[in-house]
Amino acid sequence: MYYLKNFRAVLFAIGIALTSIAVAGDDPRHERHELMEGVGEAAKPVGKMFKGELDFDAEVVMKSLQTWHDASMKLGDLFPVGSETGMDTEAAPAIWEDRAGFEKALANWREAVEAARAAEPMTLEAAKLTVGPVFQACKDCHDSYRIED
């Protein structure tokens, strides 16, 4: 009987934990945070290549561009009304106050990513020309629509 009670308690605790994870996974603030973490991680090796800190690797650049493409297809939907605050969001109020401007900034980034992907840069010089605008579009969006921590 003792083991059965403990077993039920463990199952109950596991159920609560899984529900909490599922709910957190459905929260747009959490989803966009994770998505942007991936975008940032994909930018690191490319930035290091541009600075001469890493040897150029076209495969890494293309993988980063794919990560950015995937994020660009989802990101705009992850800023619904009601997700302006909480969870230490870095999303600036301007996203909701100037939705058209925010959507344009996201479109500019998506277009820069797509142009770089289409160019398939195979040299450092080509990558700087094609991926540079992607980084600039990131900066432009962050300057207006992200709260710096």
N, C-alpha and C. Protein backbone atom coordinates (compact mmCIF):
# COMPACT_ATOMS: atom_id res chain seq x y z
N MET A 1 0.82 -1.19 0.00
CA MET A 1 0.00 0.00 0.00
C MET A 1 0.87 1.26 0.00
N TYR A 2 1.93 1.23 0.83
CA TYR A 2 2.84 2.38 0.93
C TYR A 2 3.44 2.68 -0.44
N TYR A 3 3.87 1.62 -1.14
CA TYR A 3 4.50 1.83 -2.44
C TYR A 3 3.49 2.37 -3.46
N LEU A 4 2.26 1.92 -3.37
CA LEU A 4 1.23 2.39 -4.28
C LEU A 4 0.96 3.89 -4.07
N LYS A 5 0.92 4.34 -2.82
CA LYS A 5 0.72 5.76 -2.53
C LYS A 5 1.89 6.58 -3.08
N ASN A 6 3.10 6.09 -2.85
CA ASN A 6 4.28 6.80 -3.36
C ASN A 6 4.30 6.81 -4.88
N PHE A 7 3.92 5.70 -5.47
CA PHE A 7 3.88 5.62 -6.92
C PHE A 7 2.89 6.64 -7.49
N ARG A 8 1.71 6.73 -6.86
CA ARG A 8 0.72 7.71 -7.30
C ARG A 8 1.24 9.13 -7.12
N ALA A 9 1.91 9.39 -6.03
CA ALA A 9 2.47 10.72 -5.78
C ALA A 9 3.52 11.07 -6.83
N VAL A 10 4.34 10.10 -7.17
CA VAL A 10 5.37 10.33 -8.20
C VAL A 10 4.70 10.59 -9.55
N LEU A 11 3.71 9.78 -9.90
CA LEU A 11 2.99 10.00 -11.16
C LEU A 11 2.32 11.37 -11.20
N PHE A 12 1.73 11.77 -10.09
CA PHE A 12 1.10 13.08 -10.01
C PHE A 12 2.13 14.19 -10.22
N ALA A 13 3.28 14.07 -9.58
CA ALA A 13 4.35 15.08 -9.71
C ALA A 13 4.86 15.14 -11.14
N ILE A 14 5.00 13.99 -11.76
CA ILE A 14 5.46 13.96 -13.15
C ILE A 14 4.41 14.63 -14.05
N GLY A 15 3.14 14.34 -13.80
CA GLY A 15 2.08 14.97 -14.58
C GLY A 15 2.09 16.48 -14.46
N ILE A 16 2.26 16.98 -13.25
CA ILE A 16 2.34 18.44 -13.02
C ILE A 16 3.53 19.01 -13.77
N ALA A 17 4.67 18.36 -13.68
CA ALA A 17 5.89 18.85 -14.35
C ALA A 17 5.70 18.89 -15.86
N LEU A 18 5.14 17.83 -16.42
CA LEU A 18 4.94 17.79 -17.87
C LEU A 18 3.93 18.84 -18.32
N THR A 19 2.91 19.06 -17.54
CA THR A 19 1.93 20.09 -17.86
C THR A 19 2.59 21.47 -17.84
N SER A 20 3.43 21.71 -16.83
CA SER A 20 4.12 22.99 -16.74
C SER A 20 5.02 23.22 -17.93
N ILE A 21 5.72 22.18 -18.35
CA ILE A 21 6.60 22.29 -19.51
C ILE A 21 5.77 22.57 -20.76
N ALA A 22 4.67 21.87 -20.92
CA ALA A 22 3.82 22.06 -22.10
C ALA A 22 3.26 23.48 -22.13
N VAL A 23 2.81 23.99 -20.99
CA VAL A 23 2.27 25.34 -20.94
C VAL A 23 3.35 26.36 -21.25
N ALA A 24 4.55 26.19 -20.68
CA ALA A 24 5.66 27.11 -20.96
C ALA A 24 6.01 27.07 -22.44
N GLY A 25 5.95 25.88 -23.04
CA GLY A 25 6.26 25.74 -24.45
C GLY A 25 5.25 26.43 -25.35
N ASP A 26 4.03 26.61 -24.86
CA ASP A 26 2.99 27.27 -25.64
C ASP A 26 2.98 28.78 -25.44
N ASP A 27 3.76 29.28 -24.52
CA ASP A 27 3.79 30.70 -24.24
C ASP A 27 4.63 31.39 -25.31
N PRO A 28 4.05 32.37 -26.03
CA PRO A 28 4.81 33.02 -27.10
C PRO A 28 6.07 33.71 -26.60
N ARG A 29 6.07 34.19 -25.37
CA ARG A 29 7.28 34.83 -24.84
C ARG A 29 8.41 33.82 -24.73
N HIS A 30 8.08 32.64 -24.27
CA HIS A 30 9.08 31.58 -24.16
C HIS A 30 9.54 31.13 -25.56
N GLU A 31 8.58 30.93 -26.45
CA GLU A 31 8.91 30.48 -27.80
C GLU A 31 9.80 31.48 -28.53
N ARG A 32 9.44 32.77 -28.44
CA ARG A 32 10.26 33.76 -29.15
C ARG A 32 11.63 33.90 -28.51
N HIS A 33 11.70 33.75 -27.18
CA HIS A 33 13.01 33.80 -26.51
C HIS A 33 13.90 32.67 -27.02
N GLU A 34 13.36 31.47 -27.06
CA GLU A 34 14.14 30.31 -27.52
C GLU A 34 14.53 30.48 -28.98
N LEU A 35 13.62 30.98 -29.79
CA LEU A 35 13.90 31.20 -31.20
C LEU A 35 15.03 32.20 -31.38
N MET A 36 14.97 33.30 -30.62
CA MET A 36 16.01 34.32 -30.74
C MET A 36 17.34 33.84 -30.17
N GLU A 37 17.31 32.97 -29.18
CA GLU A 37 18.55 32.36 -28.69
C GLU A 37 19.22 31.59 -29.82
N GLY A 38 18.43 30.85 -30.58
CA GLY A 38 18.96 30.11 -31.72
C GLY A 38 19.52 31.02 -32.79
N VAL A 39 18.82 32.13 -33.03
CA VAL A 39 19.30 33.13 -34.01
C VAL A 39 20.65 33.67 -33.57
N GLY A 40 20.76 34.00 -32.29
CA GLY A 40 22.01 34.52 -31.76
C GLY A 40 23.14 33.51 -31.83
N GLU A 41 22.84 32.27 -31.51
CA GLU A 41 23.86 31.22 -31.57
C GLU A 41 24.35 31.02 -33.01
N ALA A 42 23.43 31.11 -33.96
CA ALA A 42 23.80 30.96 -35.37
C ALA A 42 24.64 32.14 -35.85
N ALA A 43 24.48 33.29 -35.23
CA ALA A 43 25.23 34.49 -35.64
C ALA A 43 26.68 34.46 -35.15
N LYS A 44 26.92 33.80 -34.03
CA LYS A 44 28.25 33.83 -33.42
C LYS A 44 29.37 33.35 -34.34
N PRO A 45 29.27 32.18 -34.94
CA PRO A 45 30.39 31.75 -35.78
C PRO A 45 30.57 32.61 -37.02
N VAL A 46 29.46 33.11 -37.58
CA VAL A 46 29.56 33.97 -38.76
C VAL A 46 30.24 35.28 -38.39
N GLY A 47 29.85 35.85 -37.27
CA GLY A 47 30.50 37.08 -36.80
C GLY A 47 31.98 36.87 -36.56
N LYS A 48 32.34 35.73 -36.00
CA LYS A 48 33.76 35.44 -35.76
C LYS A 48 34.52 35.28 -37.07
N MET A 49 33.87 34.72 -38.09
CA MET A 49 34.50 34.63 -39.41
C MET A 49 34.75 36.02 -39.97
N PHE A 50 33.76 36.89 -39.83
CA PHE A 50 33.88 38.25 -40.34
C PHE A 50 35.01 39.01 -39.65
N LYS A 51 35.25 38.71 -38.39
CA LYS A 51 36.31 39.37 -37.61
C LYS A 51 37.67 38.70 -37.79
N GLY A 52 37.71 37.59 -38.51
CA GLY A 52 38.97 36.87 -38.69
C GLY A 52 39.33 35.98 -37.52
N GLU A 53 38.38 35.74 -36.63
CA GLU A 53 38.63 34.90 -35.46
C GLU A 53 38.40 33.42 -35.76
N LEU A 54 37.71 33.12 -36.85
CA LEU A 54 37.48 31.75 -37.31
C LEU A 54 37.73 31.71 -38.81
N ASP A 55 38.21 30.57 -39.28
CA ASP A 55 38.36 30.38 -40.72
C ASP A 55 36.98 30.35 -41.37
N PHE A 56 36.90 30.85 -42.58
CA PHE A 56 35.64 30.85 -43.29
C PHE A 56 35.18 29.42 -43.56
N ASP A 57 33.91 29.18 -43.36
CA ASP A 57 33.31 27.87 -43.62
C ASP A 57 31.93 28.12 -44.22
N ALA A 58 31.83 27.92 -45.53
CA ALA A 58 30.58 28.18 -46.25
C ALA A 58 29.43 27.32 -45.71
N GLU A 59 29.73 26.11 -45.29
CA GLU A 59 28.68 25.23 -44.75
C GLU A 59 28.08 25.81 -43.47
N VAL A 60 28.93 26.36 -42.62
CA VAL A 60 28.45 26.98 -41.38
C VAL A 60 27.60 28.21 -41.72
N VAL A 61 28.03 29.00 -42.67
CA VAL A 61 27.26 30.18 -43.08
C VAL A 61 25.89 29.76 -43.59
N MET A 62 25.85 28.75 -44.43
CA MET A 62 24.57 28.31 -44.98
C MET A 62 23.67 27.71 -43.89
N LYS A 63 24.27 27.02 -42.93
CA LYS A 63 23.48 26.48 -41.82
C LYS A 63 22.90 27.63 -40.99
N SER A 64 23.69 28.67 -40.76
CA SER A 64 23.19 29.84 -40.03
C SER A 64 22.06 30.50 -40.80
N LEU A 65 22.23 30.63 -42.10
CA LEU A 65 21.17 31.23 -42.92
C LEU A 65 19.89 30.40 -42.86
N GLN A 66 20.02 29.09 -42.80
CA GLN A 66 18.83 28.24 -42.68
C GLN A 66 18.15 28.46 -41.33
N THR A 67 18.94 28.56 -40.28
CA THR A 67 18.39 28.83 -38.95
C THR A 67 17.62 30.15 -38.96
N TRP A 68 18.21 31.17 -39.57
CA TRP A 68 17.56 32.48 -39.64
C TRP A 68 16.30 32.43 -40.49
N HIS A 69 16.37 31.69 -41.58
CA HIS A 69 15.17 31.53 -42.42
C HIS A 69 14.04 30.91 -41.61
N ASP A 70 14.34 29.81 -40.93
CA ASP A 70 13.32 29.12 -40.14
C ASP A 70 12.73 30.06 -39.08
N ALA A 71 13.58 30.82 -38.42
CA ALA A 71 13.11 31.77 -37.41
C ALA A 71 12.26 32.87 -38.04
N SER A 72 12.67 33.34 -39.20
CA SER A 72 11.94 34.44 -39.85
C SER A 72 10.53 34.03 -40.24
N MET A 73 10.32 32.75 -40.44
CA MET A 73 9.01 32.26 -40.82
C MET A 73 8.05 32.16 -39.62
N LYS A 74 8.60 32.16 -38.41
CA LYS A 74 7.78 31.98 -37.21
C LYS A 74 7.68 33.24 -36.35
N LEU A 75 8.70 34.05 -36.38
CA LEU A 75 8.86 35.10 -35.39
C LEU A 75 7.70 36.08 -35.32
N GLY A 76 7.18 36.51 -36.43
CA GLY A 76 6.12 37.51 -36.43
C GLY A 76 4.87 37.09 -35.67
N ASP A 77 4.61 35.79 -35.62
CA ASP A 77 3.41 35.29 -34.94
C ASP A 77 3.59 35.19 -33.43
N LEU A 78 4.79 35.43 -32.94
CA LEU A 78 5.08 35.21 -31.52
C LEU A 78 5.02 36.49 -30.68
N PHE A 79 4.34 37.52 -31.19
CA PHE A 79 4.19 38.77 -30.46
C PHE A 79 2.72 39.18 -30.38
N PRO A 80 1.85 38.27 -29.93
CA PRO A 80 0.44 38.63 -29.86
C PRO A 80 0.17 39.63 -28.73
N VAL A 81 -0.93 40.33 -28.85
CA VAL A 81 -1.37 41.21 -27.77
C VAL A 81 -1.50 40.36 -26.51
N GLY A 82 -1.01 40.90 -25.41
CA GLY A 82 -1.05 40.17 -24.15
C GLY A 82 0.29 39.57 -23.77
N SER A 83 1.26 39.61 -24.70
CA SER A 83 2.59 39.05 -24.40
C SER A 83 3.63 40.15 -24.26
N GLU A 84 3.16 41.37 -23.95
CA GLU A 84 4.06 42.52 -23.87
C GLU A 84 4.97 42.48 -22.64
N THR A 85 4.50 41.86 -21.59
CA THR A 85 5.25 41.88 -20.33
C THR A 85 5.37 40.46 -19.79
N GLY A 86 6.19 40.34 -18.77
CA GLY A 86 6.37 39.07 -18.08
C GLY A 86 7.51 38.26 -18.64
N MET A 87 7.95 37.31 -17.87
CA MET A 87 9.03 36.41 -18.25
C MET A 87 10.30 37.16 -18.67
N ASP A 88 10.52 38.31 -18.08
CA ASP A 88 11.70 39.12 -18.40
C ASP A 88 11.86 39.35 -19.90
N THR A 89 10.75 39.59 -20.57
CA THR A 89 10.80 39.80 -22.01
C THR A 89 11.66 41.01 -22.35
N GLU A 90 12.37 40.91 -23.45
CA GLU A 90 13.17 42.02 -23.97
C GLU A 90 12.44 42.71 -25.11
N ALA A 91 11.20 42.31 -25.34
CA ALA A 91 10.39 42.92 -26.39
C ALA A 91 9.96 44.31 -25.93
N ALA A 92 10.30 45.31 -26.73
CA ALA A 92 9.96 46.69 -26.39
C ALA A 92 8.49 46.98 -26.65
N PRO A 93 7.89 47.88 -25.88
CA PRO A 93 6.49 48.26 -26.12
C PRO A 93 6.25 48.75 -27.55
N ALA A 94 7.28 49.25 -28.20
CA ALA A 94 7.14 49.76 -29.57
C ALA A 94 6.62 48.69 -30.53
N ILE A 95 6.83 47.43 -30.21
CA ILE A 95 6.32 46.35 -31.07
C ILE A 95 4.81 46.46 -31.21
N TRP A 96 4.14 46.73 -30.10
CA TRP A 96 2.69 46.80 -30.10
C TRP A 96 2.19 48.21 -30.43
N GLU A 97 3.02 49.22 -30.15
CA GLU A 97 2.64 50.61 -30.43
C GLU A 97 2.83 50.96 -31.90
N ASP A 98 3.80 50.32 -32.54
CA ASP A 98 4.12 50.57 -33.95
C ASP A 98 4.19 49.24 -34.67
N ARG A 99 3.07 48.55 -34.70
CA ARG A 99 3.05 47.20 -35.27
C ARG A 99 3.47 47.19 -36.73
N ALA A 100 3.05 48.18 -37.50
CA ALA A 100 3.42 48.23 -38.91
C ALA A 100 4.93 48.36 -39.08
N GLY A 101 5.54 49.20 -38.25
CA GLY A 101 6.99 49.36 -38.32
C GLY A 101 7.72 48.09 -37.92
N PHE A 102 7.21 47.41 -36.91
CA PHE A 102 7.80 46.15 -36.47
C PHE A 102 7.69 45.09 -37.57
N GLU A 103 6.51 44.99 -38.17
CA GLU A 103 6.32 44.02 -39.25
C GLU A 103 7.24 44.32 -40.43
N LYS A 104 7.45 45.60 -40.70
CA LYS A 104 8.36 46.00 -41.78
C LYS A 104 9.80 45.61 -41.44
N ALA A 105 10.20 45.81 -40.18
CA ALA A 105 11.55 45.44 -39.76
C ALA A 105 11.75 43.93 -39.89
N LEU A 106 10.74 43.14 -39.51
CA LEU A 106 10.84 41.69 -39.66
C LEU A 106 10.91 41.30 -41.14
N ALA A 107 10.13 41.99 -41.97
CA ALA A 107 10.15 41.70 -43.41
C ALA A 107 11.50 42.04 -44.01
N ASN A 108 12.10 43.14 -43.56
CA ASN A 108 13.44 43.52 -44.05
C ASN A 108 14.46 42.44 -43.70
N TRP A 109 14.38 41.93 -42.47
CA TRP A 109 15.30 40.87 -42.05
C TRP A 109 15.07 39.60 -42.89
N ARG A 110 13.81 39.22 -43.05
CA ARG A 110 13.48 38.02 -43.82
C ARG A 110 13.99 38.16 -45.26
N GLU A 111 13.80 39.33 -45.85
CA GLU A 111 14.26 39.56 -47.23
C GLU A 111 15.77 39.49 -47.32
N ALA A 112 16.47 40.04 -46.34
CA ALA A 112 17.94 39.98 -46.33
C ALA A 112 18.41 38.53 -46.19
N VAL A 113 17.74 37.78 -45.34
CA VAL A 113 18.09 36.36 -45.17
C VAL A 113 17.87 35.61 -46.47
N GLU A 114 16.74 35.83 -47.11
CA GLU A 114 16.43 35.12 -48.35
C GLU A 114 17.40 35.49 -49.47
N ALA A 115 17.79 36.75 -49.53
CA ALA A 115 18.75 37.17 -50.56
C ALA A 115 20.11 36.51 -50.31
N ALA A 116 20.52 36.43 -49.06
CA ALA A 116 21.81 35.79 -48.73
C ALA A 116 21.76 34.30 -49.03
N ARG A 117 20.65 33.66 -48.69
CA ARG A 117 20.51 32.23 -48.99
C ARG A 117 20.59 31.99 -50.49
N ALA A 118 19.90 32.82 -51.26
CA ALA A 118 19.89 32.65 -52.72
C ALA A 118 21.27 32.86 -53.31
N ALA A 119 22.05 33.74 -52.70
CA ALA A 119 23.40 34.03 -53.20
C ALA A 119 24.38 32.89 -52.91
N GLU A 120 24.08 32.06 -51.92
CA GLU A 120 24.94 30.95 -51.52
C GLU A 120 26.41 31.38 -51.45
N PRO A 121 26.76 32.27 -50.53
CA PRO A 121 28.13 32.77 -50.47
C PRO A 121 29.14 31.66 -50.16
N MET A 122 30.14 31.55 -51.03
CA MET A 122 31.14 30.50 -50.89
C MET A 122 32.52 31.04 -50.53
N THR A 123 32.62 32.36 -50.37
CA THR A 123 33.88 32.97 -49.93
C THR A 123 33.56 33.96 -48.81
N LEU A 124 34.56 34.32 -48.07
CA LEU A 124 34.38 35.30 -47.00
C LEU A 124 33.89 36.63 -47.57
N GLU A 125 34.48 37.04 -48.68
CA GLU A 125 34.10 38.32 -49.28
C GLU A 125 32.64 38.30 -49.71
N ALA A 126 32.20 37.19 -50.32
CA ALA A 126 30.81 37.07 -50.75
C ALA A 126 29.88 37.05 -49.54
N ALA A 127 30.30 36.38 -48.48
CA ALA A 127 29.48 36.32 -47.26
C ALA A 127 29.33 37.71 -46.64
N LYS A 128 30.42 38.45 -46.60
CA LYS A 128 30.34 39.80 -46.04
C LYS A 128 29.35 40.65 -46.82
N LEU A 129 29.35 40.50 -48.14
CA LEU A 129 28.44 41.29 -48.97
C LEU A 129 26.99 40.85 -48.81
N THR A 130 26.76 39.56 -48.66
CA THR A 130 25.38 39.08 -48.62
C THR A 130 24.82 38.90 -47.21
N VAL A 131 25.67 38.53 -46.26
CA VAL A 131 25.19 38.33 -44.89
C VAL A 131 25.28 39.62 -44.09
N GLY A 132 26.13 40.52 -44.49
CA GLY A 132 26.22 41.82 -43.82
C GLY A 132 24.86 42.50 -43.68
N PRO A 133 24.05 42.54 -44.75
CA PRO A 133 22.72 43.14 -44.64
C PRO A 133 21.80 42.40 -43.65
N VAL A 134 22.01 41.12 -43.47
CA VAL A 134 21.22 40.37 -42.49
C VAL A 134 21.52 40.90 -41.10
N PHE A 135 22.82 41.04 -40.80
CA PHE A 135 23.23 41.57 -39.50
C PHE A 135 22.73 43.00 -39.31
N GLN A 136 22.76 43.79 -40.36
CA GLN A 136 22.28 45.17 -40.27
C GLN A 136 20.77 45.20 -39.99
N ALA A 137 20.04 44.32 -40.64
CA ALA A 137 18.59 44.25 -40.40
C ALA A 137 18.30 43.82 -38.96
N CYS A 138 19.13 42.91 -38.42
CA CYS A 138 18.98 42.53 -37.01
C CYS A 138 19.18 43.75 -36.12
N LYS A 139 20.26 44.48 -36.37
CA LYS A 139 20.57 45.65 -35.57
C LYS A 139 19.46 46.70 -35.66
N ASP A 140 18.98 46.94 -36.87
CA ASP A 140 17.92 47.93 -37.06
C ASP A 140 16.67 47.57 -36.25
N CYS A 141 16.31 46.31 -36.26
CA CYS A 141 15.13 45.87 -35.51
C CYS A 141 15.38 45.99 -34.01
N HIS A 142 16.54 45.53 -33.56
CA HIS A 142 16.86 45.59 -32.14
C HIS A 142 16.92 47.03 -31.64
N ASP A 143 17.42 47.93 -32.46
CA ASP A 143 17.52 49.34 -32.04
C ASP A 143 16.16 49.93 -31.69
N SER A 144 15.13 49.50 -32.39
CA SER A 144 13.79 50.07 -32.17
C SER A 144 12.86 49.19 -31.35
N TYR A 145 13.06 47.89 -31.41
CA TYR A 145 12.03 47.00 -30.88
C TYR A 145 12.53 46.01 -29.82
N ARG A 146 13.69 46.26 -29.27
CA ARG A 146 14.22 45.39 -28.21
C ARG A 146 14.69 46.24 -27.03
N ILE A 147 14.40 45.78 -25.85
CA ILE A 147 14.89 46.41 -24.64
C ILE A 147 16.24 45.78 -24.32
N GLU A 148 17.27 46.60 -24.30
CA GLU A 148 18.60 46.09 -23.96
C GLU A 148 18.67 45.80 -22.48
N ASP A 149 19.22 44.63 -22.15
CA ASP A 149 19.33 44.31 -20.71
C ASP A 149 20.67 44.72 -20.16
